[in-house]
Amino acid sequence: MMYEDSTVFDPIGILTAYEDAEGQAEHAIGSLGIDANGYLEIIDADAGREDLLQTLVERINDKAAIAVVEGGPAGQTFGTQVRSIPRGEASFPAALQEYVRTYYGVRLV
């Protein structure tokens, strides 16, 4: 896979993707490689979950940054702010994990 800077994907780690299906126990659905800039690539995927992981990877790799909501009392919307965390920033991997968990129901470990 080629990325914006025309380099070849060079993973620095492997993440296991766990799906948190409603009413069911969490289970592994595949493995993703992650490079130094937070780009993802599918290494393997369970049958029937390829489309979910492919969509996740394509959408995440299209993002230049991940937006996170910060501040405010728990359960309250006042006092919150949105912060953009660009690729390459030290906090990007943690923001990526939280984003994927929130919007895709997938935990990356």
N, C-alpha and C. Protein backbone atom coordinates (compact mmCIF):
# COMPACT_ATOMS: atom_id res chain seq x y z
N MET A 1 0.84 -1.18 0.00
CA MET A 1 0.00 0.00 0.00
C MET A 1 0.88 1.24 0.00
N MET A 2 0.52 2.23 -0.77
CA MET A 2 1.29 3.48 -0.85
C MET A 2 0.56 4.56 -0.07
N TYR A 3 1.30 5.46 0.53
CA TYR A 3 0.73 6.53 1.33
C TYR A 3 1.12 7.88 0.76
N GLU A 4 0.65 8.96 1.38
CA GLU A 4 0.83 10.29 0.83
C GLU A 4 2.26 10.61 0.45
N ASP A 5 3.23 10.15 1.20
CA ASP A 5 4.61 10.49 0.87
C ASP A 5 5.26 9.45 -0.05
N SER A 6 4.45 8.58 -0.65
CA SER A 6 4.87 7.57 -1.63
C SER A 6 5.85 6.55 -1.07
N THR A 7 5.80 6.32 0.22
CA THR A 7 6.65 5.29 0.80
C THR A 7 5.86 4.00 0.92
N VAL A 8 6.58 2.91 1.04
CA VAL A 8 5.96 1.61 1.22
C VAL A 8 5.64 1.45 2.70
N PHE A 9 4.54 0.79 3.01
CA PHE A 9 4.14 0.57 4.39
C PHE A 9 5.22 -0.19 5.14
N ASP A 10 5.67 0.35 6.26
CA ASP A 10 6.73 -0.24 7.07
C ASP A 10 6.24 -0.30 8.52
N PRO A 11 5.59 -1.41 8.91
CA PRO A 11 5.00 -1.46 10.26
C PRO A 11 6.05 -1.46 11.36
N ILE A 12 5.69 -0.75 12.44
CA ILE A 12 6.54 -0.76 13.63
C ILE A 12 5.91 -1.61 14.72
N GLY A 13 4.69 -2.07 14.47
CA GLY A 13 4.00 -2.89 15.45
C GLY A 13 2.79 -3.56 14.85
N ILE A 14 2.27 -4.53 15.57
CA ILE A 14 1.09 -5.28 15.18
C ILE A 14 0.03 -5.06 16.25
N LEU A 15 -1.17 -4.71 15.84
CA LEU A 15 -2.29 -4.54 16.76
C LEU A 15 -3.32 -5.63 16.49
N THR A 16 -3.83 -6.22 17.54
CA THR A 16 -4.93 -7.17 17.40
C THR A 16 -6.23 -6.40 17.54
N ALA A 17 -7.16 -6.66 16.63
CA ALA A 17 -8.45 -5.99 16.64
C ALA A 17 -9.47 -6.90 17.32
N TYR A 18 -10.12 -6.38 18.35
CA TYR A 18 -11.15 -7.11 19.07
C TYR A 18 -12.47 -6.40 18.85
N GLU A 19 -13.50 -7.17 18.50
CA GLU A 19 -14.82 -6.60 18.31
C GLU A 19 -15.63 -6.78 19.58
N ASP A 20 -16.28 -5.71 19.97
CA ASP A 20 -17.11 -5.70 21.16
C ASP A 20 -18.56 -5.77 20.71
N ALA A 21 -18.98 -6.96 20.26
CA ALA A 21 -20.34 -7.14 19.75
C ALA A 21 -21.34 -7.03 20.91
N GLU A 22 -22.41 -6.32 20.67
CA GLU A 22 -23.40 -6.09 21.72
C GLU A 22 -23.98 -7.41 22.21
N GLY A 23 -23.94 -7.61 23.52
CA GLY A 23 -24.49 -8.81 24.12
C GLY A 23 -23.62 -10.04 23.99
N GLN A 24 -22.42 -9.89 23.44
CA GLN A 24 -21.52 -11.03 23.28
C GLN A 24 -20.17 -10.69 23.88
N ALA A 25 -19.40 -11.73 24.14
CA ALA A 25 -18.06 -11.52 24.66
C ALA A 25 -17.17 -10.95 23.55
N GLU A 26 -16.24 -10.12 23.93
CA GLU A 26 -15.28 -9.55 23.00
C GLU A 26 -14.44 -10.67 22.39
N HIS A 27 -14.15 -10.57 21.08
CA HIS A 27 -13.34 -11.60 20.44
C HIS A 27 -12.47 -10.98 19.35
N ALA A 28 -11.31 -11.62 19.10
CA ALA A 28 -10.37 -11.13 18.09
C ALA A 28 -10.97 -11.32 16.70
N ILE A 29 -10.83 -10.28 15.86
CA ILE A 29 -11.34 -10.37 14.49
C ILE A 29 -10.26 -10.16 13.45
N GLY A 30 -9.02 -9.89 13.87
CA GLY A 30 -7.94 -9.72 12.91
C GLY A 30 -6.75 -9.02 13.51
N SER A 31 -5.74 -8.82 12.65
CA SER A 31 -4.51 -8.14 13.05
C SER A 31 -4.22 -7.02 12.07
N LEU A 32 -3.77 -5.88 12.60
CA LEU A 32 -3.43 -4.72 11.78
C LEU A 32 -2.00 -4.32 12.07
N GLY A 33 -1.26 -3.97 11.02
CA GLY A 33 0.05 -3.38 11.20
C GLY A 33 -0.13 -1.88 11.35
N ILE A 34 0.73 -1.25 12.13
CA ILE A 34 0.70 0.20 12.29
C ILE A 34 2.11 0.73 12.06
N ASP A 35 2.22 1.82 11.28
CA ASP A 35 3.54 2.37 11.03
C ASP A 35 3.80 3.57 11.94
N ALA A 36 4.97 4.18 11.80
CA ALA A 36 5.39 5.26 12.69
C ALA A 36 4.46 6.48 12.64
N ASN A 37 3.71 6.64 11.55
CA ASN A 37 2.81 7.78 11.43
C ASN A 37 1.37 7.43 11.74
N GLY A 38 1.12 6.20 12.21
CA GLY A 38 -0.22 5.80 12.58
C GLY A 38 -1.07 5.26 11.45
N TYR A 39 -0.46 5.02 10.28
CA TYR A 39 -1.21 4.40 9.19
C TYR A 39 -1.35 2.92 9.48
N LEU A 40 -2.50 2.38 9.09
CA LEU A 40 -2.83 0.98 9.36
C LEU A 40 -2.87 0.17 8.08
N GLU A 41 -2.62 -1.13 8.21
CA GLU A 41 -2.76 -2.06 7.10
C GLU A 41 -3.21 -3.40 7.67
N ILE A 42 -4.14 -4.04 6.98
CA ILE A 42 -4.64 -5.34 7.44
C ILE A 42 -3.58 -6.41 7.21
N ILE A 43 -3.30 -7.17 8.25
CA ILE A 43 -2.40 -8.31 8.13
C ILE A 43 -3.22 -9.57 7.93
N ASP A 44 -4.24 -9.73 8.76
CA ASP A 44 -5.20 -10.82 8.56
C ASP A 44 -6.53 -10.41 9.19
N ALA A 45 -7.60 -11.04 8.68
CA ALA A 45 -8.94 -10.73 9.18
C ALA A 45 -9.77 -12.00 9.18
N ASP A 46 -10.61 -12.12 10.20
CA ASP A 46 -11.53 -13.26 10.26
C ASP A 46 -12.52 -13.18 9.10
N ALA A 47 -12.93 -14.34 8.64
CA ALA A 47 -13.95 -14.41 7.60
C ALA A 47 -15.19 -13.67 8.07
N GLY A 48 -15.73 -12.84 7.23
CA GLY A 48 -16.92 -12.08 7.58
C GLY A 48 -16.62 -10.74 8.22
N ARG A 49 -15.38 -10.46 8.60
CA ARG A 49 -15.04 -9.19 9.24
C ARG A 49 -14.07 -8.37 8.37
N GLU A 50 -13.73 -8.92 7.18
CA GLU A 50 -12.80 -8.22 6.29
C GLU A 50 -13.32 -6.84 5.91
N ASP A 51 -14.64 -6.76 5.59
CA ASP A 51 -15.21 -5.49 5.17
C ASP A 51 -15.15 -4.44 6.28
N LEU A 52 -15.44 -4.84 7.51
CA LEU A 52 -15.37 -3.92 8.64
C LEU A 52 -13.95 -3.38 8.78
N LEU A 53 -12.97 -4.28 8.79
CA LEU A 53 -11.59 -3.85 8.97
C LEU A 53 -11.10 -3.02 7.78
N GLN A 54 -11.49 -3.39 6.56
CA GLN A 54 -11.08 -2.62 5.38
C GLN A 54 -11.64 -1.21 5.44
N THR A 55 -12.91 -1.07 5.80
CA THR A 55 -13.53 0.25 5.94
C THR A 55 -12.82 1.06 7.01
N LEU A 56 -12.57 0.43 8.16
CA LEU A 56 -11.88 1.09 9.26
C LEU A 56 -10.52 1.60 8.81
N VAL A 57 -9.72 0.73 8.17
CA VAL A 57 -8.37 1.10 7.73
C VAL A 57 -8.43 2.24 6.71
N GLU A 58 -9.31 2.14 5.72
CA GLU A 58 -9.40 3.19 4.70
C GLU A 58 -9.78 4.53 5.31
N ARG A 59 -10.76 4.53 6.19
CA ARG A 59 -11.21 5.79 6.77
C ARG A 59 -10.17 6.40 7.71
N ILE A 60 -9.53 5.57 8.51
CA ILE A 60 -8.50 6.08 9.42
C ILE A 60 -7.30 6.58 8.64
N ASN A 61 -6.88 5.85 7.61
CA ASN A 61 -5.72 6.26 6.82
C ASN A 61 -5.99 7.54 6.02
N ASP A 62 -7.25 7.88 5.78
CA ASP A 62 -7.59 9.12 5.09
C ASP A 62 -7.52 10.34 6.00
N LYS A 63 -7.46 10.12 7.29
CA LYS A 63 -7.46 11.23 8.24
C LYS A 63 -6.04 11.75 8.47
N ALA A 64 -5.89 13.06 8.43
CA ALA A 64 -4.61 13.68 8.74
C ALA A 64 -4.43 13.83 10.25
N ALA A 65 -5.56 13.78 10.96
CA ALA A 65 -5.55 13.95 12.41
C ALA A 65 -6.79 13.27 12.99
N ILE A 66 -6.74 13.03 14.29
CA ILE A 66 -7.89 12.47 15.01
C ILE A 66 -8.38 13.56 15.96
N ALA A 67 -9.68 13.79 15.96
CA ALA A 67 -10.27 14.78 16.87
C ALA A 67 -10.70 14.09 18.15
N VAL A 68 -10.32 14.66 19.28
CA VAL A 68 -10.71 14.13 20.58
C VAL A 68 -11.42 15.22 21.38
N VAL A 69 -12.40 14.79 22.17
CA VAL A 69 -13.13 15.72 23.03
C VAL A 69 -12.48 15.67 24.41
N GLU A 70 -12.18 16.84 24.93
CA GLU A 70 -11.50 16.93 26.23
C GLU A 70 -12.24 17.88 27.16
N GLY A 71 -12.01 17.68 28.45
CA GLY A 71 -12.51 18.60 29.47
C GLY A 71 -13.96 18.40 29.82
N GLY A 72 -14.42 19.24 30.72
CA GLY A 72 -15.80 19.18 31.18
C GLY A 72 -16.03 18.06 32.16
N PRO A 73 -17.01 18.21 33.05
CA PRO A 73 -17.33 17.16 34.01
C PRO A 73 -17.85 15.91 33.31
N ALA A 74 -17.62 14.76 33.89
CA ALA A 74 -18.08 13.50 33.32
C ALA A 74 -19.58 13.55 33.04
N GLY A 75 -19.96 13.15 31.85
CA GLY A 75 -21.37 13.12 31.48
C GLY A 75 -21.96 14.47 31.09
N GLN A 76 -21.17 15.52 31.12
CA GLN A 76 -21.64 16.86 30.78
C GLN A 76 -20.98 17.35 29.50
N THR A 77 -21.69 18.14 28.72
CA THR A 77 -21.12 18.67 27.49
C THR A 77 -20.54 20.07 27.65
N PHE A 78 -20.93 20.80 28.71
CA PHE A 78 -20.37 22.14 28.88
C PHE A 78 -18.92 22.04 29.33
N GLY A 79 -18.15 22.97 28.89
CA GLY A 79 -16.74 23.00 29.28
C GLY A 79 -15.87 22.06 28.45
N THR A 80 -16.44 21.41 27.46
CA THR A 80 -15.63 20.52 26.63
C THR A 80 -15.06 21.28 25.45
N GLN A 81 -13.99 20.75 24.90
CA GLN A 81 -13.40 21.30 23.70
C GLN A 81 -12.89 20.15 22.84
N VAL A 82 -12.79 20.40 21.56
CA VAL A 82 -12.29 19.40 20.64
C VAL A 82 -10.86 19.78 20.28
N ARG A 83 -9.97 18.79 20.38
CA ARG A 83 -8.56 19.01 20.03
C ARG A 83 -8.20 18.07 18.90
N SER A 84 -7.49 18.57 17.93
CA SER A 84 -7.04 17.78 16.79
C SER A 84 -5.63 17.28 17.07
N ILE A 85 -5.45 15.96 16.95
CA ILE A 85 -4.13 15.36 17.18
C ILE A 85 -3.60 14.84 15.84
N PRO A 86 -2.59 15.50 15.28
CA PRO A 86 -2.08 15.10 13.97
C PRO A 86 -1.23 13.83 14.03
N ARG A 87 -1.15 13.16 12.89
CA ARG A 87 -0.28 11.98 12.77
C ARG A 87 1.13 12.35 13.16
N GLY A 88 1.82 11.44 13.79
CA GLY A 88 3.20 11.67 14.20
C GLY A 88 3.33 12.24 15.60
N GLU A 89 2.25 12.84 16.14
CA GLU A 89 2.29 13.36 17.51
C GLU A 89 2.28 12.17 18.48
N ALA A 90 2.97 12.30 19.58
CA ALA A 90 3.11 11.19 20.54
C ALA A 90 1.77 10.65 21.03
N SER A 91 0.76 11.49 21.13
CA SER A 91 -0.54 11.04 21.64
C SER A 91 -1.45 10.48 20.54
N PHE A 92 -0.99 10.45 19.28
CA PHE A 92 -1.83 9.97 18.18
C PHE A 92 -2.26 8.51 18.36
N PRO A 93 -1.35 7.57 18.70
CA PRO A 93 -1.79 6.17 18.84
C PRO A 93 -2.91 5.99 19.88
N ALA A 94 -2.82 6.66 21.01
CA ALA A 94 -3.87 6.54 22.03
C ALA A 94 -5.18 7.14 21.52
N ALA A 95 -5.10 8.28 20.81
CA ALA A 95 -6.30 8.90 20.24
C ALA A 95 -6.91 7.99 19.18
N LEU A 96 -6.08 7.36 18.39
CA LEU A 96 -6.53 6.42 17.37
C LEU A 96 -7.29 5.26 18.00
N GLN A 97 -6.72 4.69 19.06
CA GLN A 97 -7.38 3.57 19.74
C GLN A 97 -8.74 3.97 20.29
N GLU A 98 -8.81 5.14 20.91
CA GLU A 98 -10.08 5.61 21.48
C GLU A 98 -11.09 5.89 20.38
N TYR A 99 -10.66 6.50 19.30
CA TYR A 99 -11.54 6.82 18.18
C TYR A 99 -12.13 5.54 17.57
N VAL A 100 -11.29 4.55 17.33
CA VAL A 100 -11.74 3.30 16.73
C VAL A 100 -12.69 2.56 17.66
N ARG A 101 -12.42 2.60 18.95
CA ARG A 101 -13.30 1.95 19.93
C ARG A 101 -14.67 2.64 19.95
N THR A 102 -14.65 3.97 19.94
CA THR A 102 -15.89 4.74 20.02
C THR A 102 -16.74 4.61 18.76
N TYR A 103 -16.13 4.74 17.59
CA TYR A 103 -16.90 4.80 16.35
C TYR A 103 -17.05 3.48 15.61
N TYR A 104 -16.22 2.49 15.92
CA TYR A 104 -16.31 1.21 15.21
C TYR A 104 -16.57 0.02 16.14
N GLY A 105 -16.54 0.24 17.44
CA GLY A 105 -16.74 -0.86 18.37
C GLY A 105 -15.62 -1.88 18.32
N VAL A 106 -14.43 -1.40 17.95
CA VAL A 106 -13.27 -2.28 17.81
C VAL A 106 -12.17 -1.76 18.74
N ARG A 107 -11.61 -2.67 19.52
CA ARG A 107 -10.51 -2.32 20.42
C ARG A 107 -9.22 -2.79 19.79
N LEU A 108 -8.24 -1.89 19.66
CA LEU A 108 -6.94 -2.22 19.10
C LEU A 108 -5.92 -2.32 20.22
N VAL A 109 -5.27 -3.47 20.33
CA VAL A 109 -4.29 -3.69 21.39
C VAL A 109 -3.01 -4.22 20.76
